[in-house]
Amino acid sequence: RREPQVKPAITLCPCKSSRIHAHGYDLATATLALQFKTKAGPGPVYHYSGVPEDTYRGLCAAESIGRFFGAEINVKDKDPETGEEKLRYPYTKIAEEKQEA
């Protein structure tokens, strides 16, 4: 019997980005939390699994957080065994409702 996955509570820090409202990281689970912007304000929160700490540091230090996200996190890699493209860092929508960071 599988136990339900417990999602870590990750503190979000607002950031200056046209795409991303806030971000956070849980070192123990290598989980990146991102809250995107919507026309109405802060949107839902997504957790990206398996993100190395140095990738998160790169996001924090990037001149453009949104561009870094598109180039380094929201990318697909080819599976060497099947040739299928898979997300480098699978994600889960954590919060449906809008949350303030």
Protein backbone atom coordinates (compact mmCIF):
# COMPACT_ATOMS: atom_id res chain seq x y z
CA ARG A 1 0.00 0.00 0.00
CA ARG A 2 1.43 3.36 -1.00
CA GLU A 3 1.50 6.18 1.50
CA PRO A 4 0.46 9.59 0.20
CA GLN A 5 3.38 11.87 -0.58
CA VAL A 6 3.87 14.65 1.91
CA LYS A 7 4.80 17.91 0.24
CA PRO A 8 7.30 20.03 2.13
CA ALA A 9 6.14 23.45 3.30
CA ILE A 10 8.47 25.80 1.47
CA THR A 11 8.73 29.46 2.37
CA LEU A 12 8.31 31.67 -0.68
CA CYS A 13 10.32 34.85 -1.21
CA PRO A 14 8.95 37.50 -3.59
CA CYS A 15 11.25 38.35 -6.49
CA LYS A 16 11.60 40.87 -9.30
CA SER A 17 10.44 39.04 -12.41
CA SER A 18 7.80 39.60 -15.04
CA ARG A 19 6.85 35.87 -14.96
CA ILE A 20 7.53 34.64 -11.44
CA HIS A 21 6.01 36.16 -8.31
CA ALA A 22 7.99 34.22 -5.68
CA HIS A 23 10.34 31.28 -5.24
CA GLY A 24 11.68 28.99 -2.52
CA TYR A 25 13.73 25.84 -2.10
CA ASP A 26 13.78 22.84 0.22
CA LEU A 27 17.32 21.45 0.43
CA ALA A 28 16.27 18.22 2.20
CA THR A 29 14.02 17.16 -0.69
CA ALA A 30 15.67 19.11 -3.56
CA THR A 31 12.31 20.74 -4.26
CA LEU A 32 11.99 24.10 -5.98
CA ALA A 33 8.77 26.03 -5.30
CA LEU A 34 7.66 28.66 -7.81
CA GLN A 35 4.65 30.92 -7.77
CA PHE A 36 3.94 32.43 -11.16
CA LYS A 37 2.29 35.74 -11.89
CA THR A 38 -1.15 36.02 -13.43
CA LYS A 39 -3.00 39.06 -14.73
CA ALA A 40 -4.92 39.10 -11.43
CA GLY A 41 -1.77 38.88 -9.27
CA PRO A 42 0.04 35.94 -7.64
CA GLY A 43 -1.01 32.59 -9.10
CA PRO A 44 -0.78 28.96 -8.01
CA VAL A 45 2.36 27.39 -6.54
CA TYR A 46 4.23 24.59 -8.30
CA HIS A 47 6.85 22.24 -6.83
CA TYR A 48 9.64 21.01 -9.13
CA SER A 49 11.35 17.85 -7.87
CA GLY A 50 14.99 16.85 -8.12
CA VAL A 51 16.35 20.37 -8.60
CA PRO A 52 20.00 20.57 -7.47
CA GLU A 53 20.93 23.31 -5.02
CA ASP A 54 23.34 24.89 -7.52
CA THR A 55 20.49 25.22 -10.04
CA TYR A 56 18.41 27.04 -7.42
CA ARG A 57 21.36 29.31 -6.63
CA GLY A 58 21.66 30.01 -10.35
CA LEU A 59 17.99 30.97 -10.46
CA CYS A 60 18.45 33.34 -7.51
CA ALA A 61 21.50 34.96 -9.08
CA ALA A 62 20.13 35.17 -12.63
CA GLU A 63 19.77 38.55 -14.28
CA SER A 64 16.43 37.29 -15.61
CA ILE A 65 14.72 34.72 -13.38
CA GLY A 66 12.08 33.97 -16.01
CA ARG A 67 14.68 33.41 -18.73
CA PHE A 68 16.73 31.15 -16.42
CA PHE A 69 13.57 29.18 -15.61
CA GLY A 70 12.83 28.67 -19.31
CA ALA A 71 16.40 27.68 -20.20
CA GLU A 72 17.41 25.55 -17.20
CA ILE A 73 14.32 24.28 -15.36
CA ASN A 74 11.32 24.10 -17.68
CA VAL A 75 13.15 22.00 -20.28
CA LYS A 76 12.82 18.53 -21.73
CA ASP A 77 15.67 16.06 -22.09
CA LYS A 78 15.73 12.96 -24.28
CA ASP A 79 15.55 9.70 -22.37
CA PRO A 80 18.61 7.73 -23.54
CA GLU A 81 16.75 4.41 -23.37
CA THR A 82 13.45 5.32 -25.03
CA GLY A 83 14.33 8.48 -26.98
CA GLU A 84 11.24 10.14 -25.49
CA GLU A 85 11.43 13.69 -24.26
CA LYS A 86 10.82 14.07 -20.53
CA LEU A 87 10.76 17.08 -18.28
CA ARG A 88 14.14 17.56 -16.60
CA TYR A 89 12.38 18.45 -13.34
CA PRO A 90 8.83 17.05 -13.02
CA TYR A 91 6.40 19.37 -11.29
CA THR A 92 3.24 19.22 -9.22
CA LYS A 93 0.69 21.97 -8.79
CA ILE A 94 0.57 22.44 -5.03
CA ALA A 95 -1.81 25.32 -4.42
CA GLU A 96 -4.77 25.89 -6.69
CA GLU A 97 -5.84 29.06 -4.98
CA LYS A 98 -3.81 32.22 -5.10
CA GLN A 99 -1.43 32.67 -2.18
CA GLU A 100 0.46 35.73 -1.09
CA ALA A 101 4.18 35.18 -0.72
